[in-house]
């Protein structure tokens, strides 16, 4: 894993990985702080996931089709200036619980 860290980021001390299942309604990601994070749609998904900042009003979501990856992003502040994956919401346009979105959090 250290080779991947040095390739993509500043080699943080901690990594957290997670996965959420598809849902047709906007859902907030689990709580947790992060310096950097990235989202990747499962390559076997049949629908498109949309990811957006929690407070954006859902005006310009990032569409993630099967296999798409956001690359590293710095999360916005919120919840008392904590940065984290919980500052984002997601939904699956197909609403299928068999579609998955993976996330990688670096602390």
Protein backbone atom coordinates (compact mmCIF):
# COMPACT_ATOMS: atom_id res chain seq x y z
CA UNK A 1 0.00 0.00 0.00
CA UNK A 2 2.86 2.41 0.64
CA UNK A 3 3.73 2.45 -3.05
CA UNK A 4 0.19 3.53 -3.88
CA UNK A 5 0.24 6.23 -1.19
CA UNK A 6 3.45 7.77 -2.46
CA UNK A 7 2.07 7.67 -6.01
CA UNK A 8 -1.20 9.43 -5.34
CA UNK A 9 -0.91 11.55 -2.20
CA UNK A 10 1.36 12.74 0.58
CA UNK A 11 1.66 9.28 2.17
CA UNK A 12 -0.70 9.80 5.13
CA UNK A 13 -0.55 7.63 8.22
CA UNK A 14 -4.08 6.23 8.01
CA UNK A 15 -6.33 4.91 5.25
CA UNK A 16 -10.01 4.00 5.55
CA UNK A 17 -11.93 2.21 2.86
CA UNK A 18 -15.68 1.90 2.56
CA UNK A 19 -18.48 0.88 0.27
CA UNK A 20 -22.07 2.07 -0.01
CA UNK A 21 -24.91 0.34 -1.83
CA UNK A 22 -27.11 2.06 -4.38
CA UNK A 23 -30.19 3.98 -3.31
CA UNK A 24 -32.45 6.23 -5.37
CA UNK A 25 -32.66 8.96 -2.70
CA UNK A 26 -29.84 11.30 -1.68
CA UNK A 27 -27.95 9.75 1.24
CA UNK A 28 -25.13 11.19 3.33
CA UNK A 29 -21.89 9.21 3.57
CA UNK A 30 -20.85 7.88 6.99
CA UNK A 31 -19.12 10.24 9.40
CA UNK A 32 -15.34 10.46 9.45
CA UNK A 33 -12.58 13.01 8.98
CA UNK A 34 -10.30 13.10 5.96
CA UNK A 35 -7.48 15.09 4.42
CA UNK A 36 -8.09 13.59 1.00
CA UNK A 37 -10.65 11.21 -0.41
CA UNK A 38 -11.72 9.61 -3.65
CA UNK A 39 -14.79 7.85 -4.96
CA UNK A 40 -14.89 4.97 -7.43
CA UNK A 41 -17.94 3.32 -8.94
CA UNK A 42 -17.86 -0.46 -9.06
CA UNK A 43 -16.96 -1.61 -12.61
CA UNK A 44 -19.97 -3.98 -12.62
CA UNK A 45 -22.58 -1.30 -11.87
CA UNK A 46 -25.46 -0.94 -14.31
CA UNK A 47 -26.50 2.57 -13.29
CA UNK A 48 -24.75 5.86 -12.60
CA UNK A 49 -23.90 7.10 -9.12
CA UNK A 50 -24.06 10.81 -8.43
CA UNK A 51 -21.91 12.39 -5.71
CA UNK A 52 -22.24 15.95 -4.49
CA UNK A 53 -21.19 18.19 -1.61
CA UNK A 54 -23.71 17.94 1.22
CA UNK A 55 -24.63 21.64 1.23
CA UNK A 56 -24.64 22.30 -2.52
CA UNK A 57 -28.38 22.07 -3.11
CA UNK A 58 -27.89 19.13 -5.52
CA UNK A 59 -27.34 21.38 -8.52
CA UNK A 60 -24.24 19.86 -10.10
CA UNK A 61 -23.56 16.27 -9.02
CA UNK A 62 -20.55 14.34 -10.28
CA UNK A 63 -21.82 11.43 -12.38
CA UNK A 64 -19.84 8.22 -11.89
CA UNK A 65 -20.61 5.48 -14.39
CA UNK A 66 -19.29 1.94 -13.93
CA UNK A 67 -15.56 2.05 -13.17
CA UNK A 68 -15.32 5.88 -12.98
CA UNK A 69 -13.02 7.41 -10.37
CA UNK A 70 -12.96 10.99 -9.07
CA UNK A 71 -9.24 11.06 -8.33
CA UNK A 72 -8.09 12.67 -5.08
CA UNK A 73 -10.23 15.52 -3.77
CA UNK A 74 -9.99 17.66 -0.64
CA UNK A 75 -13.34 17.58 1.15
CA UNK A 76 -15.04 20.86 2.04
CA UNK A 77 -15.28 21.98 5.65
CA UNK A 78 -18.46 21.45 7.59
CA UNK A 79 -19.71 20.06 10.89
CA UNK A 80 -17.54 22.38 13.00
CA UNK A 81 -14.79 22.70 10.36
CA UNK A 82 -14.11 18.95 10.20
CA UNK A 83 -13.31 17.76 6.72
CA UNK A 84 -14.56 14.33 5.77
CA UNK A 85 -16.49 11.95 3.60
CA UNK A 86 -19.63 12.91 5.56
CA UNK A 87 -19.54 16.26 3.71
CA UNK A 88 -20.86 14.43 0.62
CA UNK A 89 -24.12 12.80 -0.41
CA UNK A 90 -24.74 10.14 -3.04
CA UNK A 91 -27.47 8.39 -4.96
CA UNK A 92 -27.72 5.74 -7.65
CA UNK A 93 -29.89 6.80 -10.57
CA UNK A 94 -30.99 3.18 -11.11
CA UNK A 95 -31.82 2.77 -7.42
CA UNK A 96 -30.30 -0.73 -7.44
CA UNK A 97 -29.01 -2.04 -4.10
CA UNK A 98 -26.64 -4.29 -6.08
CA UNK A 99 -24.65 -1.29 -7.36
CA UNK A 100 -21.78 -0.09 -5.19
CA UNK A 101 -19.70 3.03 -4.75
CA UNK A 102 -16.32 2.64 -3.05
CA UNK A 103 -14.52 5.38 -1.17
CA UNK A 104 -10.96 5.77 0.06
CA UNK A 105 -10.26 8.21 2.88
CA UNK A 106 -6.78 9.38 3.83
CA UNK A 107 -6.30 10.96 7.26
